[in-house]
Amino acid sequence: MKCYIVIFETVSEESRKRIKDSLVSYKIYCPINKSCWAIKTNETAVQVRDKLMGLSDKSDRIFVIRSGTEAAWVNSFGDKHDKWLKDNL
């Protein structure tokens, strides 16, 4: 499975909730902040983007990038998420 970083900016709270619910459906996920999540999937970045586009408003922005080899952060959403990020990014 590949790890992707998904960044999204929505015009409505309803759209944000639909995107968030879709990211949770991947089962292997970690919220990084309110509008940036990491997911693991066998799908391509284009497939993830297209799936989320179908749930978003016309003016929403979605960015999907495959995780690289180096990452750094501060103040993740707790120890559980910090471990997930260390193990999967």
PDB file of N, CA and C in Angstrom:
ATOM      1  N   MET A   1       0.840  -1.186   0.000  1.00  0.00           N
ATOM      2  CA  MET A   1       0.000   0.000   0.000  1.00  0.00           C
ATOM      3  C   MET A   1       0.882   1.247   0.000  1.00  0.00           C
ATOM      4  N   LYS A   2       0.357   2.290  -0.613  1.00  0.00           N
ATOM      5  CA  LYS A   2       1.068   3.561  -0.659  1.00  0.00           C
ATOM      6  C   LYS A   2       0.426   4.527   0.342  1.00  0.00           C
ATOM      7  N   CYS A   3       1.246   5.424   0.861  1.00  0.00           N
ATOM      8  CA  CYS A   3       0.743   6.453   1.775  1.00  0.00           C
ATOM      9  C   CYS A   3       0.641   7.765   1.004  1.00  0.00           C
ATOM     10  N   TYR A   4      -0.522   8.402   1.113  1.00  0.00           N
ATOM     11  CA  TYR A   4      -0.760   9.687   0.465  1.00  0.00           C
ATOM     12  C   TYR A   4      -1.090  10.751   1.503  1.00  0.00           C
ATOM     13  N   ILE A   5      -0.665  11.964   1.206  1.00  0.00           N
ATOM     14  CA  ILE A   5      -1.066  13.129   1.971  1.00  0.00           C
ATOM     15  C   ILE A   5      -2.182  13.794   1.176  1.00  0.00           C
ATOM     16  N   VAL A   6      -3.324  14.000   1.826  1.00  0.00           N
ATOM     17  CA  VAL A   6      -4.475  14.625   1.185  1.00  0.00           C
ATOM     18  C   VAL A   6      -4.732  15.959   1.874  1.00  0.00           C
ATOM     19  N   ILE A   7      -4.660  17.034   1.093  1.00  0.00           N
ATOM     20  CA  ILE A   7      -4.896  18.379   1.607  1.00  0.00           C
ATOM     21  C   ILE A   7      -6.135  18.912   0.907  1.00  0.00           C
ATOM     22  N   PHE A   8      -7.048  19.467   1.686  1.00  0.00           N
ATOM     23  CA  PHE A   8      -8.279  19.960   1.077  1.00  0.00           C
ATOM     24  C   PHE A   8      -8.721  21.260   1.728  1.00  0.00           C
ATOM     25  N   GLU A   9      -9.320  22.098   0.920  1.00  0.00           N
ATOM     26  CA  GLU A   9      -9.880  23.373   1.366  1.00  0.00           C
ATOM     27  C   GLU A   9     -11.310  23.406   0.834  1.00  0.00           C
ATOM     28  N   THR A  10     -12.275  23.516   1.728  1.00  0.00           N
ATOM     29  CA  THR A  10     -13.675  23.435   1.311  1.00  0.00           C
ATOM     30  C   THR A  10     -14.400  24.760   1.547  1.00  0.00           C
ATOM     31  N   VAL A  11     -15.432  24.968   0.751  1.00  0.00           N
ATOM     32  CA  VAL A  11     -16.220  26.187   0.888  1.00  0.00           C
ATOM     33  C   VAL A  11     -17.357  26.003   1.893  1.00  0.00           C
ATOM     34  N   SER A  12     -17.659  24.760   2.237  1.00  0.00           N
ATOM     35  CA  SER A  12     -18.748  24.518   3.189  1.00  0.00           C
ATOM     36  C   SER A  12     -18.359  23.435   4.189  1.00  0.00           C
ATOM     37  N   GLU A  13     -18.971  23.486   5.335  1.00  0.00           N
ATOM     38  CA  GLU A  13     -18.742  22.463   6.364  1.00  0.00           C
ATOM     39  C   GLU A  13     -19.289  21.115   5.903  1.00  0.00           C
ATOM     40  N   GLU A  14     -20.364  21.121   5.130  1.00  0.00           N
ATOM     41  CA  GLU A  14     -20.952  19.880   4.628  1.00  0.00           C
ATOM     42  C   GLU A  14     -19.979  19.160   3.700  1.00  0.00           C
ATOM     43  N   SER A  15     -19.344  19.912   2.839  1.00  0.00           N
ATOM     44  CA  SER A  15     -18.363  19.335   1.931  1.00  0.00           C
ATOM     45  C   SER A  15     -17.176  18.777   2.710  1.00  0.00           C
ATOM     46  N   ARG A  16     -16.698  19.517   3.708  1.00  0.00           N
ATOM     47  CA  ARG A  16     -15.589  19.042   4.539  1.00  0.00           C
ATOM     48  C   ARG A  16     -15.940  17.734   5.218  1.00  0.00           C
ATOM     49  N   LYS A  17     -17.179  17.621   5.709  1.00  0.00           N
ATOM     50  CA  LYS A  17     -17.620  16.385   6.373  1.00  0.00           C
ATOM     51  C   LYS A  17     -17.667  15.218   5.385  1.00  0.00           C
ATOM     52  N   ARG A  18     -18.144  15.452   4.169  1.00  0.00           N
ATOM     53  CA  ARG A  18     -18.189  14.378   3.165  1.00  0.00           C
ATOM     54  C   ARG A  18     -16.778  13.889   2.831  1.00  0.00           C
ATOM     55  N   ILE A  19     -15.853  14.818   2.675  1.00  0.00           N
ATOM     56  CA  ILE A  19     -14.468  14.442   2.368  1.00  0.00           C
ATOM     57  C   ILE A  19     -13.866  13.690   3.548  1.00  0.00           C
ATOM     58  N   LYS A  20     -14.058  14.205   4.748  1.00  0.00           N
ATOM     59  CA  LYS A  20     -13.533  13.546   5.947  1.00  0.00           C
ATOM     60  C   LYS A  20     -14.088  12.128   6.070  1.00  0.00           C
ATOM     61  N   ASP A  21     -15.386  11.958   5.881  1.00  0.00           N
ATOM     62  CA  ASP A  21     -15.999  10.629   5.973  1.00  0.00           C
ATOM     63  C   ASP A  21     -15.408   9.684   4.930  1.00  0.00           C
ATOM     64  N   SER A  22     -15.129  10.201   3.754  1.00  0.00           N
ATOM     65  CA  SER A  22     -14.523   9.372   2.712  1.00  0.00           C
ATOM     66  C   SER A  22     -13.102   8.958   3.104  1.00  0.00           C
ATOM     67  N   LEU A  23     -12.340   9.868   3.682  1.00  0.00           N
ATOM     68  CA  LEU A  23     -10.983   9.530   4.121  1.00  0.00           C
ATOM     69  C   LEU A  23     -11.005   8.472   5.216  1.00  0.00           C
ATOM     70  N   VAL A  24     -11.959   8.567   6.125  1.00  0.00           N
ATOM     71  CA  VAL A  24     -12.106   7.565   7.185  1.00  0.00           C
ATOM     72  C   VAL A  24     -12.433   6.193   6.580  1.00  0.00           C
ATOM     73  N   SER A  25     -13.139   6.178   5.465  1.00  0.00           N
ATOM     74  CA  SER A  25     -13.514   4.908   4.842  1.00  0.00           C
ATOM     75  C   SER A  25     -12.298   4.132   4.332  1.00  0.00           C
ATOM     76  N   TYR A  26     -11.151   4.770   4.200  1.00  0.00           N
ATOM     77  CA  TYR A  26      -9.946   4.058   3.785  1.00  0.00           C
ATOM     78  C   TYR A  26      -9.430   3.120   4.870  1.00  0.00           C
ATOM     79  N   LYS A  27      -9.921   3.244   6.078  1.00  0.00           N
ATOM     80  CA  LYS A  27      -9.588   2.392   7.234  1.00  0.00           C
ATOM     81  C   LYS A  27      -8.185   2.627   7.790  1.00  0.00           C
ATOM     82  N   ILE A  28      -7.214   2.922   6.950  1.00  0.00           N
ATOM     83  CA  ILE A  28      -5.858   3.202   7.425  1.00  0.00           C
ATOM     84  C   ILE A  28      -5.602   4.670   7.144  1.00  0.00           C
ATOM     85  N   TYR A  29      -5.796   5.501   8.163  1.00  0.00           N
ATOM     86  CA  TYR A  29      -5.744   6.949   7.975  1.00  0.00           C
ATOM     87  C   TYR A  29      -5.251   7.619   9.244  1.00  0.00           C
ATOM     88  N   CYS A  30      -4.839   8.864   9.086  1.00  0.00           N
ATOM     89  CA  CYS A  30      -4.410   9.658  10.230  1.00  0.00           C
ATOM     90  C   CYS A  30      -4.659  11.129   9.933  1.00  0.00           C
ATOM     91  N   PRO A  31      -5.482  11.797  10.738  1.00  0.00           N
ATOM     92  CA  PRO A  31      -5.628  13.240  10.547  1.00  0.00           C
ATOM     93  C   PRO A  31      -4.345  13.949  10.986  1.00  0.00           C
ATOM     94  N   ILE A  32      -3.855  14.824  10.147  1.00  0.00           N
ATOM     95  CA  ILE A  32      -2.660  15.606  10.478  1.00  0.00           C
ATOM     96  C   ILE A  32      -3.088  16.956  11.045  1.00  0.00           C
ATOM     97  N   ASN A  33      -4.074  17.560  10.406  1.00  0.00           N
ATOM     98  CA  ASN A  33      -4.759  18.731  10.964  1.00  0.00           C
ATOM     99  C   ASN A  33      -6.160  18.768  10.362  1.00  0.00           C
ATOM    100  N   LYS A  34      -6.888  19.840  10.550  1.00  0.00           N
ATOM    101  CA  LYS A  34      -8.292  19.887  10.137  1.00  0.00           C
ATOM    102  C   LYS A  34      -8.483  19.605   8.648  1.00  0.00           C
ATOM    103  N   SER A  35      -7.548  20.020   7.823  1.00  0.00           N
ATOM    104  CA  SER A  35      -7.726  19.856   6.384  1.00  0.00           C
ATOM    105  C   SER A  35      -6.555  19.155   5.702  1.00  0.00           C
ATOM    106  N   CYS A  36      -5.823  18.369   6.461  1.00  0.00           N
ATOM    107  CA  CYS A  36      -4.709  17.601   5.913  1.00  0.00           C
ATOM    108  C   CYS A  36      -4.679  16.240   6.593  1.00  0.00           C
ATOM    109  N   TRP A  37      -4.802  15.193   5.802  1.00  0.00           N
ATOM    110  CA  TRP A  37      -4.841  13.830   6.326  1.00  0.00           C
ATOM    111  C   TRP A  37      -3.836  12.966   5.580  1.00  0.00           C
ATOM    112  N   ALA A  38      -3.422  11.876   6.210  1.00  0.00           N
ATOM    113  CA  ALA A  38      -2.633  10.840   5.551  1.00  0.00           C
ATOM    114  C   ALA A  38      -3.511   9.594   5.458  1.00  0.00           C
ATOM    115  N   ILE A  39      -3.443   8.925   4.314  1.00  0.00           N
ATOM    116  CA  ILE A  39      -4.178   7.676   4.136  1.00  0.00           C
ATOM    117  C   ILE A  39      -3.255   6.652   3.496  1.00  0.00           C
ATOM    118  N   LYS A  40      -3.576   5.371   3.682  1.00  0.00           N
ATOM    119  CA  LYS A  40      -2.870   4.294   2.996  1.00  0.00           C
ATOM    120  C   LYS A  40      -3.882   3.552   2.138  1.00  0.00           C
ATOM    121  N   THR A  41      -3.489   3.303   0.881  1.00  0.00           N
ATOM    122  CA  THR A  41      -4.386   2.649  -0.064  1.00  0.00           C
ATOM    123  C   THR A  41      -3.585   2.064  -1.223  1.00  0.00           C
ATOM    124  N   ASN A  42      -4.218   1.161  -1.957  1.00  0.00           N
ATOM    125  CA  ASN A  42      -3.639   0.646  -3.194  1.00  0.00           C
ATOM    126  C   ASN A  42      -4.062   1.478  -4.396  1.00  0.00           C
ATOM    127  N   GLU A  43      -4.934   2.449  -4.181  1.00  0.00           N
ATOM    128  CA  GLU A  43      -5.378   3.319  -5.266  1.00  0.00           C
ATOM    129  C   GLU A  43      -4.252   4.269  -5.683  1.00  0.00           C
ATOM    130  N   THR A  44      -4.394   4.854  -6.862  1.00  0.00           N
ATOM    131  CA  THR A  44      -3.458   5.882  -7.314  1.00  0.00           C
ATOM    132  C   THR A  44      -3.896   7.236  -6.758  1.00  0.00           C
ATOM    133  N   ALA A  45      -3.006   8.205  -6.851  1.00  0.00           N
ATOM    134  CA  ALA A  45      -3.351   9.565  -6.421  1.00  0.00           C
ATOM    135  C   ALA A  45      -4.538  10.096  -7.227  1.00  0.00           C
ATOM    136  N   VAL A  46      -4.575   9.799  -8.521  1.00  0.00           N
ATOM    137  CA  VAL A  46      -5.680  10.245  -9.370  1.00  0.00           C
ATOM    138  C   VAL A  46      -6.995   9.611  -8.918  1.00  0.00           C
ATOM    139  N   GLN A  47      -6.975   8.332  -8.576  1.00  0.00           N
ATOM    140  CA  GLN A  47      -8.193   7.666  -8.105  1.00  0.00           C
ATOM    141  C   GLN A  47      -8.688   8.279  -6.799  1.00  0.00           C
ATOM    142  N   VAL A  48      -7.775   8.559  -5.885  1.00  0.00           N
ATOM    143  CA  VAL A  48      -8.166   9.190  -4.611  1.00  0.00           C
ATOM    144  C   VAL A  48      -8.755  10.564  -4.893  1.00  0.00           C
ATOM    145  N   ARG A  49      -8.065  11.356  -5.691  1.00  0.00           N
ATOM    146  CA  ARG A  49      -8.559  12.692  -6.027  1.00  0.00           C
ATOM    147  C   ARG A  49      -9.940  12.640  -6.663  1.00  0.00           C
ATOM    148  N   ASP A  50     -10.116  11.763  -7.633  1.00  0.00           N
ATOM    149  CA  ASP A  50     -11.397  11.676  -8.331  1.00  0.00           C
ATOM    150  C   ASP A  50     -12.526  11.255  -7.397  1.00  0.00           C
ATOM    151  N   LYS A  51     -12.232  10.351  -6.489  1.00  0.00           N
ATOM    152  CA  LYS A  51     -13.232   9.925  -5.502  1.00  0.00           C
ATOM    153  C   LYS A  51     -13.662  11.107  -4.639  1.00  0.00           C
ATOM    154  N   LEU A  52     -12.690  11.887  -4.180  1.00  0.00           N
ATOM    155  CA  LEU A  52     -12.994  13.042  -3.335  1.00  0.00           C
ATOM    156  C   LEU A  52     -13.669  14.161  -4.124  1.00  0.00           C
ATOM    157  N   MET A  53     -13.294  14.319  -5.389  1.00  0.00           N
ATOM    158  CA  MET A  53     -13.929  15.345  -6.232  1.00  0.00           C
ATOM    159  C   MET A  53     -15.426  15.094  -6.357  1.00  0.00           C
ATOM    160  N   GLY A  54     -15.797  13.829  -6.398  1.00  0.00           N
ATOM    161  CA  GLY A  54     -17.206  13.488  -6.510  1.00  0.00           C
ATOM    162  C   GLY A  54     -18.012  13.852  -5.277  1.00  0.00           C
ATOM    163  N   LEU A  55     -17.337  14.123  -4.180  1.00  0.00           N
ATOM    164  CA  LEU A  55     -17.995  14.468  -2.921  1.00  0.00           C
ATOM    165  C   LEU A  55     -17.881  15.949  -2.585  1.00  0.00           C
ATOM    166  N   SER A  56     -17.113  16.664  -3.370  1.00  0.00           N
ATOM    167  CA  SER A  56     -16.799  18.043  -3.022  1.00  0.00           C
ATOM    168  C   SER A  56     -17.643  19.030  -3.822  1.00  0.00           C
ATOM    169  N   ASP A  57     -17.612  20.284  -3.373  1.00  0.00           N
ATOM    170  CA  ASP A  57     -18.255  21.369  -4.098  1.00  0.00           C
ATOM    171  C   ASP A  57     -17.338  21.821  -5.226  1.00  0.00           C
ATOM    172  N   LYS A  58     -17.896  22.485  -6.198  1.00  0.00           N
ATOM    173  CA  LYS A  58     -17.161  22.916  -7.393  1.00  0.00           C
ATOM    174  C   LYS A  58     -15.947  23.798  -7.054  1.00  0.00           C
ATOM    175  N   SER A  59     -16.037  24.590  -6.006  1.00  0.00           N
ATOM    176  CA  SER A  59     -14.961  25.518  -5.645  1.00  0.00           C
ATOM    177  C   SER A  59     -13.972  24.952  -4.630  1.00  0.00           C
ATOM    178  N   ASP A  60     -14.184  23.719  -4.153  1.00  0.00           N
ATOM    179  CA  ASP A  60     -13.262  23.106  -3.200  1.00  0.00           C
ATOM    180  C   ASP A  60     -11.920  22.825  -3.868  1.00  0.00           C
ATOM    181  N   ARG A  61     -10.869  22.792  -3.068  1.00  0.00           N
ATOM    182  CA  ARG A  61      -9.530  22.462  -3.556  1.00  0.00           C
ATOM    183  C   ARG A  61      -9.087  21.155  -2.906  1.00  0.00           C
ATOM    184  N   ILE A  62      -8.524  20.267  -3.715  1.00  0.00           N
ATOM    185  CA  ILE A  62      -8.050  18.973  -3.221  1.00  0.00           C
ATOM    186  C   ILE A  62      -6.665  18.727  -3.811  1.00  0.00           C
ATOM    187  N   PHE A  63      -5.739  18.294  -2.953  1.00  0.00           N
ATOM    188  CA  PHE A  63      -4.372  18.011  -3.363  1.00  0.00           C
ATOM    189  C   PHE A  63      -3.997  16.653  -2.782  1.00  0.00           C
ATOM    190  N   VAL A  64      -3.545  15.735  -3.630  1.00  0.00           N
ATOM    191  CA  VAL A  64      -3.152  14.392  -3.190  1.00  0.00           C
ATOM    192  C   VAL A  64      -1.731  14.142  -3.662  1.00  0.00           C
ATOM    193  N   ILE A  65      -0.849  13.812  -2.728  1.00  0.00           N
ATOM    194  CA  ILE A  65       0.544  13.558  -3.081  1.00  0.00           C
ATOM    195  C   ILE A  65       1.028  12.311  -2.340  1.00  0.00           C
ATOM    196  N   ARG A  66       1.798  11.504  -3.030  1.00  0.00           N
ATOM    197  CA  ARG A  66       2.356  10.316  -2.387  1.00  0.00           C
ATOM    198  C   ARG A  66       3.425  10.737  -1.384  1.00  0.00           C
ATOM    199  N   SER A  67       3.370  10.139  -0.227  1.00  0.00           N
ATOM    200  CA  SER A  67       4.309  10.456   0.840  1.00  0.00           C
ATOM    201  C   SER A  67       5.732  10.128   0.403  1.00  0.00           C
ATOM    202  N   GLY A  68       6.657  10.969   0.817  1.00  0.00           N
ATOM    203  CA  GLY A  68       8.051  10.791   0.432  1.00  0.00           C
ATOM    204  C   GLY A  68       8.853  10.043   1.477  1.00  0.00           C
ATOM    205  N   THR A  69      10.103  10.380   1.560  1.00  0.00           N
ATOM    206  CA  THR A  69      11.021   9.642   2.428  1.00  0.00           C
ATOM    207  C   THR A  69      11.394  10.393   3.694  1.00  0.00           C
ATOM    208  N   GLU A  70      10.952  11.641   3.811  1.00  0.00           N
ATOM    209  CA  GLU A  70      11.323  12.421   4.980  1.00  0.00           C
ATOM    210  C   GLU A  70      10.149  13.287   5.405  1.00  0.00           C
ATOM    211  N   ALA A  71       9.967  13.407   6.715  1.00  0.00           N
ATOM    212  CA  ALA A  71       8.890  14.242   7.245  1.00  0.00           C
ATOM    213  C   ALA A  71       9.286  14.758   8.626  1.00  0.00           C
ATOM    214  N   ALA A  72       8.718  15.883   8.985  1.00  0.00           N
ATOM    215  CA  ALA A  72       8.922  16.448  10.319  1.00  0.00           C
ATOM    216  C   ALA A  72       7.653  17.183  10.703  1.00  0.00           C
ATOM    217  N   TRP A  73       7.316  17.190  11.981  1.00  0.00           N
ATOM    218  CA  TRP A  73       6.102  17.857  12.443  1.00  0.00           C
ATOM    219  C   TRP A  73       6.215  18.166  13.920  1.00  0.00           C
ATOM    220  N   VAL A  74       5.270  18.948  14.384  1.00  0.00           N
ATOM    221  CA  VAL A  74       5.171  19.266  15.805  1.00  0.00           C
ATOM    222  C   VAL A  74       3.687  19.309  16.155  1.00  0.00           C
ATOM    223  N   ASN A  75       3.342  18.863  17.329  1.00  0.00           N
ATOM    224  CA  ASN A  75       1.973  18.904  17.846  1.00  0.00           C
ATOM    225  C   ASN A  75       0.976  18.103  17.020  1.00  0.00           C
ATOM    226  N   SER A  76       1.266  16.825  16.806  1.00  0.00           N
ATOM    227  CA  SER A  76       0.273  15.977  16.153  1.00  0.00           C
ATOM    228  C   SER A  76      -0.900  15.790  17.114  1.00  0.00           C
ATOM    229  N   PHE A  77      -1.939  15.126  16.636  1.00  0.00           N
ATOM    230  CA  PHE A  77      -3.139  14.914  17.448  1.00  0.00           C
ATOM    231  C   PHE A  77      -2.945  13.784  18.459  1.00  0.00           C
ATOM    232  N   GLY A  78      -1.894  13.820  19.240  1.00  0.00           N
ATOM    233  CA  GLY A  78      -1.681  12.851  20.313  1.00  0.00           C
ATOM    234  C   GLY A  78      -0.708  11.741  19.943  1.00  0.00           C
ATOM    235  N   ASP A  79      -0.377  10.931  20.945  1.00  0.00           N
ATOM    236  CA  ASP A  79       0.626   9.873  20.798  1.00  0.00           C
ATOM    237  C   ASP A  79       0.243   8.842  19.742  1.00  0.00           C
ATOM    238  N   LYS A  80      -1.042   8.461  19.693  1.00  0.00           N
ATOM    239  CA  LYS A  80      -1.495   7.465  18.718  1.00  0.00           C
ATOM    240  C   LYS A  80      -1.218   7.946  17.293  1.00  0.00           C
ATOM    241  N   HIS A  81      -1.547   9.200  17.006  1.00  0.00           N
ATOM    242  CA  HIS A  81      -1.333   9.740  15.663  1.00  0.00           C
ATOM    243  C   HIS A  81       0.152   9.991  15.396  1.00  0.00           C
ATOM    244  N   ASP A  82       0.877  10.400  16.413  1.00  0.00           N
ATOM    245  CA  ASP A  82       2.313  10.613  16.262  1.00  0.00           C
ATOM    246  C   ASP A  82       2.992   9.309  15.849  1.00  0.00           C
ATOM    247  N   LYS A  83       2.623   8.210  16.498  1.00  0.00           N
ATOM    248  CA  LYS A  83       3.182   6.899  16.153  1.00  0.00           C
ATOM    249  C   LYS A  83       2.789   6.510  14.735  1.00  0.00           C
ATOM    250  N   TRP A  84       1.526   6.731  14.365  1.00  0.00           N
ATOM    251  CA  TRP A  84       1.060   6.395  13.012  1.00  0.00           C
ATOM    252  C   TRP A  84       1.902   7.134  11.974  1.00  0.00           C
ATOM    253  N   LEU A  85       2.110   8.411  12.194  1.00  0.00           N
ATOM    254  CA  LEU A  85       2.884   9.211  11.256  1.00  0.00           C
ATOM    255  C   LEU A  85       4.319   8.705  11.153  1.00  0.00           C
ATOM    256  N   LYS A  86       4.936   8.400  12.282  1.00  0.00           N
ATOM    257  CA  LYS A  86       6.314   7.879  12.269  1.00  0.00           C
ATOM    258  C   LYS A  86       6.387   6.556  11.537  1.00  0.00           C
ATOM    259  N   ASP A  87       5.397   5.700  11.714  1.00  0.00           N
ATOM    260  CA  ASP A  87       5.401   4.370  11.101  1.00  0.00           C
ATOM    261  C   ASP A  87       5.060   4.387   9.616  1.00  0.00           C
ATOM    262  N   ASN A  88       4.296   5.369   9.167  1.00  0.00           N
ATOM    263  CA  ASN A  88       3.748   5.301   7.815  1.00  0.00           C
ATOM    264  C   ASN A  88       4.214   6.366   6.832  1.00  0.00           C
ATOM    265  N   LEU A  89       4.724   7.482   7.322  1.00  0.00           N
ATOM    266  CA  LEU A  89       5.198   8.488   6.366  1.00  0.00           C
ATOM    267  C   LEU A  89       6.545   8.080   5.920  1.00  0.00           C
TER     268      LEU A  89
END
